[in-house]
Amino acid sequence: MIFYDIEKIIRDRGIDNKYRLTGAVADRARQLSEQKGRRLVEDATREKFISLALEEISSGKVVFLKTGETRDVPTDNG
């Protein structure tokens, strides 16, 4: 089992409290579980969707926004 420093994730990702982080992780884990038939082989070896969701959020691969907040998404087109 991997242990994550929740306080560090909150600081690094600019999340205002641990309850918002909990909701974001739950939302992402739910998305992953709904996509489990369409997932990459490397992700299929992971034991828990919550661990994958936490890893994605802590590394910045997944960003959750507050309601009404917008963010520019970089494109590969240049």
PDB file of N, CA and C in Angstrom:
ATOM      1  N   MET A   1       0.833  -1.166   0.000  1.00  0.00           N
ATOM      2  CA  MET A   1       0.000   0.000   0.000  1.00  0.00           C
ATOM      3  C   MET A   1       0.890   1.246   0.000  1.00  0.00           C
ATOM      4  N   ILE A   2       0.520   2.199  -0.816  1.00  0.00           N
ATOM      5  CA  ILE A   2       1.256   3.456  -0.901  1.00  0.00           C
ATOM      6  C   ILE A   2       0.604   4.466   0.030  1.00  0.00           C
ATOM      7  N   PHE A   3       1.440   5.182   0.775  1.00  0.00           N
ATOM      8  CA  PHE A   3       0.927   6.229   1.656  1.00  0.00           C
ATOM      9  C   PHE A   3       1.253   7.581   1.041  1.00  0.00           C
ATOM     10  N   TYR A   4       0.284   8.468   1.043  1.00  0.00           N
ATOM     11  CA  TYR A   4       0.447   9.796   0.466  1.00  0.00           C
ATOM     12  C   TYR A   4       0.409  10.838   1.574  1.00  0.00           C
ATOM     13  N   ASP A   5       1.198  11.882   1.408  1.00  0.00           N
ATOM     14  CA  ASP A   5       1.196  13.006   2.336  1.00  0.00           C
ATOM     15  C   ASP A   5       0.083  13.959   1.895  1.00  0.00           C
ATOM     16  N   ILE A   6      -1.057  13.814   2.515  1.00  0.00           N
ATOM     17  CA  ILE A   6      -2.247  14.581   2.141  1.00  0.00           C
ATOM     18  C   ILE A   6      -1.995  16.080   2.262  1.00  0.00           C
ATOM     19  N   GLU A   7      -1.352  16.491   3.337  1.00  0.00           N
ATOM     20  CA  GLU A   7      -1.080  17.924   3.536  1.00  0.00           C
ATOM     21  C   GLU A   7      -0.198  18.475   2.413  1.00  0.00           C
ATOM     22  N   LYS A   8       0.769  17.688   1.955  1.00  0.00           N
ATOM     23  CA  LYS A   8       1.642  18.126   0.859  1.00  0.00           C
ATOM     24  C   LYS A   8       0.857  18.247  -0.444  1.00  0.00           C
ATOM     25  N   ILE A   9      -0.019  17.300  -0.703  1.00  0.00           N
ATOM     26  CA  ILE A   9      -0.846  17.355  -1.911  1.00  0.00           C
ATOM     27  C   ILE A   9      -1.720  18.599  -1.876  1.00  0.00           C
ATOM     28  N   ILE A  10      -2.312  18.880  -0.722  1.00  0.00           N
ATOM     29  CA  ILE A  10      -3.170  20.060  -0.574  1.00  0.00           C
ATOM     30  C   ILE A  10      -2.371  21.329  -0.855  1.00  0.00           C
ATOM     31  N   ARG A  11      -1.175  21.426  -0.297  1.00  0.00           N
ATOM     32  CA  ARG A  11      -0.326  22.606  -0.522  1.00  0.00           C
ATOM     33  C   ARG A  11       0.114  22.720  -1.974  1.00  0.00           C
ATOM     34  N   ASP A  12       0.635  21.629  -2.524  1.00  0.00           N
ATOM     35  CA  ASP A  12       1.199  21.652  -3.874  1.00  0.00           C
ATOM     36  C   ASP A  12       0.151  21.906  -4.955  1.00  0.00           C
ATOM     37  N   ARG A  13      -1.038  21.423  -4.764  1.00  0.00           N
ATOM     38  CA  ARG A  13      -2.096  21.536  -5.773  1.00  0.00           C
ATOM     39  C   ARG A  13      -3.041  22.707  -5.528  1.00  0.00           C
ATOM     40  N   GLY A  14      -2.828  23.452  -4.456  1.00  0.00           N
ATOM     41  CA  GLY A  14      -3.650  24.630  -4.197  1.00  0.00           C
ATOM     42  C   GLY A  14      -5.089  24.310  -3.830  1.00  0.00           C
ATOM     43  N   ILE A  15      -5.279  23.171  -3.211  1.00  0.00           N
ATOM     44  CA  ILE A  15      -6.617  22.769  -2.768  1.00  0.00           C
ATOM     45  C   ILE A  15      -6.847  23.398  -1.405  1.00  0.00           C
ATOM     46  N   ASP A  16      -8.039  23.961  -1.196  1.00  0.00           N
ATOM     47  CA  ASP A  16      -8.240  24.746   0.017  1.00  0.00           C
ATOM     48  C   ASP A  16      -8.514  23.933   1.278  1.00  0.00           C
ATOM     49  N   ASN A  17      -8.917  22.669   1.160  1.00  0.00           N
ATOM     50  CA  ASN A  17      -9.078  21.843   2.363  1.00  0.00           C
ATOM     51  C   ASN A  17      -9.110  20.359   2.012  1.00  0.00           C
ATOM     52  N   LYS A  18      -8.936  19.533   3.031  1.00  0.00           N
ATOM     53  CA  LYS A  18      -8.838  18.088   2.799  1.00  0.00           C
ATOM     54  C   LYS A  18     -10.163  17.475   2.369  1.00  0.00           C
ATOM     55  N   TYR A  19     -11.267  18.124   2.681  1.00  0.00           N
ATOM     56  CA  TYR A  19     -12.567  17.593   2.293  1.00  0.00           C
ATOM     57  C   TYR A  19     -12.789  17.759   0.790  1.00  0.00           C
ATOM     58  N   ARG A  20     -12.306  18.858   0.238  1.00  0.00           N
ATOM     59  CA  ARG A  20     -12.394  19.050  -1.215  1.00  0.00           C
ATOM     60  C   ARG A  20     -11.499  18.028  -1.924  1.00  0.00           C
ATOM     61  N   LEU A  21     -10.330  17.754  -1.368  1.00  0.00           N
ATOM     62  CA  LEU A  21      -9.443  16.730  -1.929  1.00  0.00           C
ATOM     63  C   LEU A  21     -10.116  15.360  -1.878  1.00  0.00           C
ATOM     64  N   THR A  22     -10.754  15.056  -0.779  1.00  0.00           N
ATOM     65  CA  THR A  22     -11.458  13.776  -0.640  1.00  0.00           C
ATOM     66  C   THR A  22     -12.536  13.634  -1.708  1.00  0.00           C
ATOM     67  N   GLY A  23     -13.291  14.694  -1.933  1.00  0.00           N
ATOM     68  CA  GLY A  23     -14.323  14.669  -2.968  1.00  0.00           C
ATOM     69  C   GLY A  23     -13.732  14.499  -4.356  1.00  0.00           C
ATOM     70  N   ALA A  24     -12.606  15.182  -4.612  1.00  0.00           N
ATOM     71  CA  ALA A  24     -11.950  15.083  -5.914  1.00  0.00           C
ATOM     72  C   ALA A  24     -11.431  13.670  -6.158  1.00  0.00           C
ATOM     73  N   VAL A  25     -10.831  13.078  -5.139  1.00  0.00           N
ATOM     74  CA  VAL A  25     -10.324  11.704  -5.265  1.00  0.00           C
ATOM     75  C   VAL A  25     -11.487  10.738  -5.500  1.00  0.00           C
ATOM     76  N   ALA A  26     -12.566  10.914  -4.769  1.00  0.00           N
ATOM     77  CA  ALA A  26     -13.734  10.040  -4.942  1.00  0.00           C
ATOM     78  C   ALA A  26     -14.320  10.173  -6.341  1.00  0.00           C
ATOM     79  N   ASP A  27     -14.423  11.413  -6.845  1.00  0.00           N
ATOM     80  CA  ASP A  27     -14.945  11.625  -8.195  1.00  0.00           C
ATOM     81  C   ASP A  27     -14.059  10.956  -9.242  1.00  0.00           C
ATOM     82  N   ARG A  28     -12.743  11.132  -9.110  1.00  0.00           N
ATOM     83  CA  ARG A  28     -11.822  10.546 -10.084  1.00  0.00           C
ATOM     84  C   ARG A  28     -11.815   9.019 -10.003  1.00  0.00           C
ATOM     85  N   ALA A  29     -11.862   8.471  -8.796  1.00  0.00           N
ATOM     86  CA  ALA A  29     -11.903   7.015  -8.637  1.00  0.00           C
ATOM     87  C   ALA A  29     -13.180   6.449  -9.266  1.00  0.00           C
ATOM     88  N   ARG A  30     -14.278   7.166  -9.127  1.00  0.00           N
ATOM     89  CA  ARG A  30     -15.538   6.737  -9.748  1.00  0.00           C
ATOM     90  C   ARG A  30     -15.410   6.764 -11.266  1.00  0.00           C
ATOM     91  N   GLN A  31     -14.799   7.816 -11.811  1.00  0.00           N
ATOM     92  CA  GLN A  31     -14.581   7.879 -13.260  1.00  0.00           C
ATOM     93  C   GLN A  31     -13.743   6.695 -13.736  1.00  0.00           C
ATOM     94  N   LEU A  32     -12.689   6.392 -13.005  1.00  0.00           N
ATOM     95  CA  LEU A  32     -11.813   5.284 -13.377  1.00  0.00           C
ATOM     96  C   LEU A  32     -12.547   3.946 -13.322  1.00  0.00           C
ATOM     97  N   SER A  33     -13.371   3.746 -12.300  1.00  0.00           N
ATOM     98  CA  SER A  33     -14.090   2.474 -12.183  1.00  0.00           C
ATOM     99  C   SER A  33     -15.110   2.311 -13.303  1.00  0.00           C
ATOM    100  N   GLU A  34     -15.686   3.412 -13.756  1.00  0.00           N
ATOM    101  CA  GLU A  34     -16.652   3.345 -14.857  1.00  0.00           C
ATOM    102  C   GLU A  34     -15.966   3.078 -16.189  1.00  0.00           C
ATOM    103  N   GLN A  35     -14.681   3.363 -16.288  1.00  0.00           N
ATOM    104  CA  GLN A  35     -13.920   3.166 -17.525  1.00  0.00           C
ATOM    105  C   GLN A  35     -13.080   1.902 -17.505  1.00  0.00           C
ATOM    106  N   LYS A  36     -13.232   1.052 -16.508  1.00  0.00           N
ATOM    107  CA  LYS A  36     -12.287  -0.045 -16.327  1.00  0.00           C
ATOM    108  C   LYS A  36     -12.180  -0.977 -17.528  1.00  0.00           C
ATOM    109  N   GLY A  37     -13.194  -1.097 -18.347  1.00  0.00           N
ATOM    110  CA  GLY A  37     -13.110  -1.923 -19.538  1.00  0.00           C
ATOM    111  C   GLY A  37     -12.312  -1.285 -20.659  1.00  0.00           C
ATOM    112  N   ARG A  38     -12.145   0.043 -20.589  1.00  0.00           N
ATOM    113  CA  ARG A  38     -11.460   0.783 -21.653  1.00  0.00           C
ATOM    114  C   ARG A  38     -10.086   1.276 -21.226  1.00  0.00           C
ATOM    115  N   ARG A  39      -9.549   0.786 -20.146  1.00  0.00           N
ATOM    116  CA  ARG A  39      -8.306   1.306 -19.579  1.00  0.00           C
ATOM    117  C   ARG A  39      -7.087   0.659 -20.202  1.00  0.00           C
ATOM    118  N   LEU A  40      -5.955   1.322 -20.051  1.00  0.00           N
ATOM    119  CA  LEU A  40      -4.692   0.791 -20.554  1.00  0.00           C
ATOM    120  C   LEU A  40      -4.254  -0.418 -19.738  1.00  0.00           C
ATOM    121  N   VAL A  41      -3.477  -1.284 -20.346  1.00  0.00           N
ATOM    122  CA  VAL A  41      -3.005  -2.494 -19.680  1.00  0.00           C
ATOM    123  C   VAL A  41      -2.178  -2.157 -18.444  1.00  0.00           C
ATOM    124  N   GLU A  42      -1.321  -1.133 -18.515  1.00  0.00           N
ATOM    125  CA  GLU A  42      -0.480  -0.778 -17.377  1.00  0.00           C
ATOM    126  C   GLU A  42      -1.309  -0.351 -16.169  1.00  0.00           C
ATOM    127  N   ASP A  43      -2.456   0.271 -16.398  1.00  0.00           N
ATOM    128  CA  ASP A  43      -3.316   0.688 -15.301  1.00  0.00           C
ATOM    129  C   ASP A  43      -4.088  -0.491 -14.704  1.00  0.00           C
ATOM    130  N   ALA A  44      -4.285  -1.548 -15.492  1.00  0.00           N
ATOM    131  CA  ALA A  44      -5.056  -2.697 -15.028  1.00  0.00           C
ATOM    132  C   ALA A  44      -4.336  -3.449 -13.916  1.00  0.00           C
ATOM    133  N   THR A  45      -3.025  -3.265 -13.801  1.00  0.00           N
ATOM    134  CA  THR A  45      -2.272  -3.978 -12.778  1.00  0.00           C
ATOM    135  C   THR A  45      -2.374  -3.297 -11.412  1.00  0.00           C
ATOM    136  N   ARG A  46      -2.882  -2.105 -11.359  1.00  0.00           N
ATOM    137  CA  ARG A  46      -3.015  -1.390 -10.083  1.00  0.00           C
ATOM    138  C   ARG A  46      -4.145  -2.023  -9.277  1.00  0.00           C
ATOM    139  N   GLU A  47      -3.966  -2.024  -7.962  1.00  0.00           N
ATOM    140  CA  GLU A  47      -4.968  -2.710  -7.158  1.00  0.00           C
ATOM    141  C   GLU A  47      -6.182  -1.866  -6.813  1.00  0.00           C
ATOM    142  N   LYS A  48      -6.037  -0.536  -6.708  1.00  0.00           N
ATOM    143  CA  LYS A  48      -7.167   0.281  -6.282  1.00  0.00           C
ATOM    144  C   LYS A  48      -7.282   1.549  -7.112  1.00  0.00           C
ATOM    145  N   PHE A  49      -8.520   1.898  -7.434  1.00  0.00           N
ATOM    146  CA  PHE A  49      -8.770   3.128  -8.177  1.00  0.00           C
ATOM    147  C   PHE A  49      -8.455   4.354  -7.325  1.00  0.00           C
ATOM    148  N   ILE A  50      -8.632   4.257  -6.020  1.00  0.00           N
ATOM    149  CA  ILE A  50      -8.346   5.397  -5.135  1.00  0.00           C
ATOM    150  C   ILE A  50      -6.864   5.721  -5.173  1.00  0.00           C
ATOM    151  N   SER A  51      -6.002   4.708  -5.158  1.00  0.00           N
ATOM    152  CA  SER A  51      -4.558   4.944  -5.228  1.00  0.00           C
ATOM    153  C   SER A  51      -4.185   5.613  -6.543  1.00  0.00           C
ATOM    154  N   LEU A  52      -4.768   5.154  -7.636  1.00  0.00           N
ATOM    155  CA  LEU A  52      -4.485   5.743  -8.937  1.00  0.00           C
ATOM    156  C   LEU A  52      -4.988   7.190  -8.981  1.00  0.00           C
ATOM    157  N   ALA A  53      -6.170   7.446  -8.445  1.00  0.00           N
ATOM    158  CA  ALA A  53      -6.719   8.804  -8.419  1.00  0.00           C
ATOM    159  C   ALA A  53      -5.832   9.732  -7.593  1.00  0.00           C
ATOM    160  N   LEU A  54      -5.379   9.278  -6.441  1.00  0.00           N
ATOM    161  CA  LEU A  54      -4.485  10.087  -5.610  1.00  0.00           C
ATOM    162  C   LEU A  54      -3.171  10.366  -6.325  1.00  0.00           C
ATOM    163  N   GLU A  55      -2.643   9.365  -6.988  1.00  0.00           N
ATOM    164  CA  GLU A  55      -1.386   9.537  -7.722  1.00  0.00           C
ATOM    165  C   GLU A  55      -1.546  10.563  -8.846  1.00  0.00           C
ATOM    166  N   GLU A  56      -2.655  10.468  -9.584  1.00  0.00           N
ATOM    167  CA  GLU A  56      -2.898  11.401 -10.676  1.00  0.00           C
ATOM    168  C   GLU A  56      -3.053  12.834 -10.169  1.00  0.00           C
ATOM    169  N   ILE A  57      -3.755  13.011  -9.073  1.00  0.00           N
ATOM    170  CA  ILE A  57      -3.951  14.344  -8.515  1.00  0.00           C
ATOM    171  C   ILE A  57      -2.651  14.889  -7.946  1.00  0.00           C
ATOM    172  N   SER A  58      -1.902  14.060  -7.224  1.00  0.00           N
ATOM    173  CA  SER A  58      -0.661  14.537  -6.615  1.00  0.00           C
ATOM    174  C   SER A  58       0.396  14.882  -7.655  1.00  0.00           C
ATOM    175  N   SER A  59       0.385  14.194  -8.799  1.00  0.00           N
ATOM    176  CA  SER A  59       1.367  14.482  -9.848  1.00  0.00           C
ATOM    177  C   SER A  59       0.912  15.601 -10.786  1.00  0.00           C
ATOM    178  N   GLY A  60      -0.334  16.033 -10.648  1.00  0.00           N
ATOM    179  CA  GLY A  60      -0.845  17.112 -11.486  1.00  0.00           C
ATOM    180  C   GLY A  60      -1.434  16.652 -12.808  1.00  0.00           C
ATOM    181  N   LYS A  61      -1.561  15.344 -13.016  1.00  0.00           N
ATOM    182  CA  LYS A  61      -2.149  14.830 -14.251  1.00  0.00           C
ATOM    183  C   LYS A  61      -3.637  15.135 -14.325  1.00  0.00           C
ATOM    184  N   VAL A  62      -4.285  15.195 -13.170  1.00  0.00           N
ATOM    185  CA  VAL A  62      -5.713  15.479 -13.088  1.00  0.00           C
ATOM    186  C   VAL A  62      -5.891  16.717 -12.219  1.00  0.00           C
ATOM    187  N   VAL A  63      -6.672  17.659 -12.707  1.00  0.00           N
ATOM    188  CA  VAL A  63      -6.925  18.890 -11.969  1.00  0.00           C
ATOM    189  C   VAL A  63      -8.427  19.044 -11.800  1.00  0.00           C
ATOM    190  N   PHE A  64      -8.862  19.253 -10.581  1.00  0.00           N
ATOM    191  CA  PHE A  64     -10.264  19.503 -10.313  1.00  0.00           C
ATOM    192  C   PHE A  64     -10.442  20.975 -10.000  1.00  0.00           C
ATOM    193  N   LEU A  65     -11.457  21.560 -10.595  1.00  0.00           N
ATOM    194  CA  LEU A  65     -11.728  22.977 -10.412  1.00  0.00           C
ATOM    195  C   LEU A  65     -12.947  23.171  -9.522  1.00  0.00           C
ATOM    196  N   LYS A  66     -12.970  24.296  -8.836  1.00  0.00           N
ATOM    197  CA  LYS A  66     -14.143  24.659  -8.051  1.00  0.00           C
ATOM    198  C   LYS A  66     -15.265  25.015  -9.015  1.00  0.00           C
ATOM    199  N   THR A  67     -16.502  24.924  -8.566  1.00  0.00           N
ATOM    200  CA  THR A  67     -17.644  25.262  -9.391  1.00  0.00           C
ATOM    201  C   THR A  67     -17.526  26.701  -9.881  1.00  0.00           C
ATOM    202  N   GLY A  68     -17.701  26.893 -11.181  1.00  0.00           N
ATOM    203  CA  GLY A  68     -17.627  28.220 -11.766  1.00  0.00           C
ATOM    204  C   GLY A  68     -16.229  28.669 -12.135  1.00  0.00           C
ATOM    205  N   GLU A  69     -15.216  27.898 -11.805  1.00  0.00           N
ATOM    206  CA  GLU A  69     -13.828  28.250 -12.091  1.00  0.00           C
ATOM    207  C   GLU A  69     -13.451  27.688 -13.462  1.00  0.00           C
ATOM    208  N   THR A  70     -12.637  28.413 -14.212  1.00  0.00           N
ATOM    209  CA  THR A  70     -12.182  27.931 -15.524  1.00  0.00           C
ATOM    210  C   THR A  70     -10.666  27.884 -15.543  1.00  0.00           C
ATOM    211  N   ARG A  71     -10.142  27.074 -16.421  1.00  0.00           N
ATOM    212  CA  ARG A  71      -8.685  26.954 -16.542  1.00  0.00           C
ATOM    213  C   ARG A  71      -8.361  26.686 -18.007  1.00  0.00           C
ATOM    214  N   ASP A  72      -7.300  27.351 -18.504  1.00  0.00           N
ATOM    215  CA  ASP A  72      -6.838  27.094 -19.855  1.00  0.00           C
ATOM    216  C   ASP A  72      -6.174  25.733 -19.915  1.00  0.00           C
ATOM    217  N   VAL A  73      -6.527  24.960 -20.914  1.00  0.00           N
ATOM    218  CA  VAL A  73      -5.938  23.633 -21.087  1.00  0.00           C
ATOM    219  C   VAL A  73      -4.971  23.711 -22.260  1.00  0.00           C
ATOM    220  N   PRO A  74      -3.694  23.371 -22.045  1.00  0.00           N
ATOM    221  CA  PRO A  74      -2.736  23.424 -23.153  1.00  0.00           C
ATOM    222  C   PRO A  74      -3.064  22.389 -24.208  1.00  0.00           C
ATOM    223  N   THR A  75      -2.845  22.774 -25.456  1.00  0.00           N
ATOM    224  CA  THR A  75      -3.086  21.842 -26.555  1.00  0.00           C
ATOM    225  C   THR A  75      -1.765  21.456 -27.192  1.00  0.00           C
ATOM    226  N   ASP A  76      -1.767  20.347 -27.909  1.00  0.00           N
ATOM    227  CA  ASP A  76      -0.560  19.870 -28.573  1.00  0.00           C
ATOM    228  C   ASP A  76      -0.375  20.536 -29.938  1.00  0.00           C
ATOM    229  N   ASN A  77      -1.336  21.327 -30.361  1.00  0.00           N
ATOM    230  CA  ASN A  77      -1.294  21.925 -31.685  1.00  0.00           C
ATOM    231  C   ASN A  77      -0.350  23.109 -31.792  1.00  0.00           C
ATOM    232  N   GLY A  78       0.220  23.532 -30.701  1.00  0.00           N
ATOM    233  CA  GLY A  78       1.214  24.511 -30.857  1.00  0.00           C
ATOM    234  C   GLY A  78       1.115  25.788 -30.225  1.00  0.00           C
TER     235      GLY A  78
END
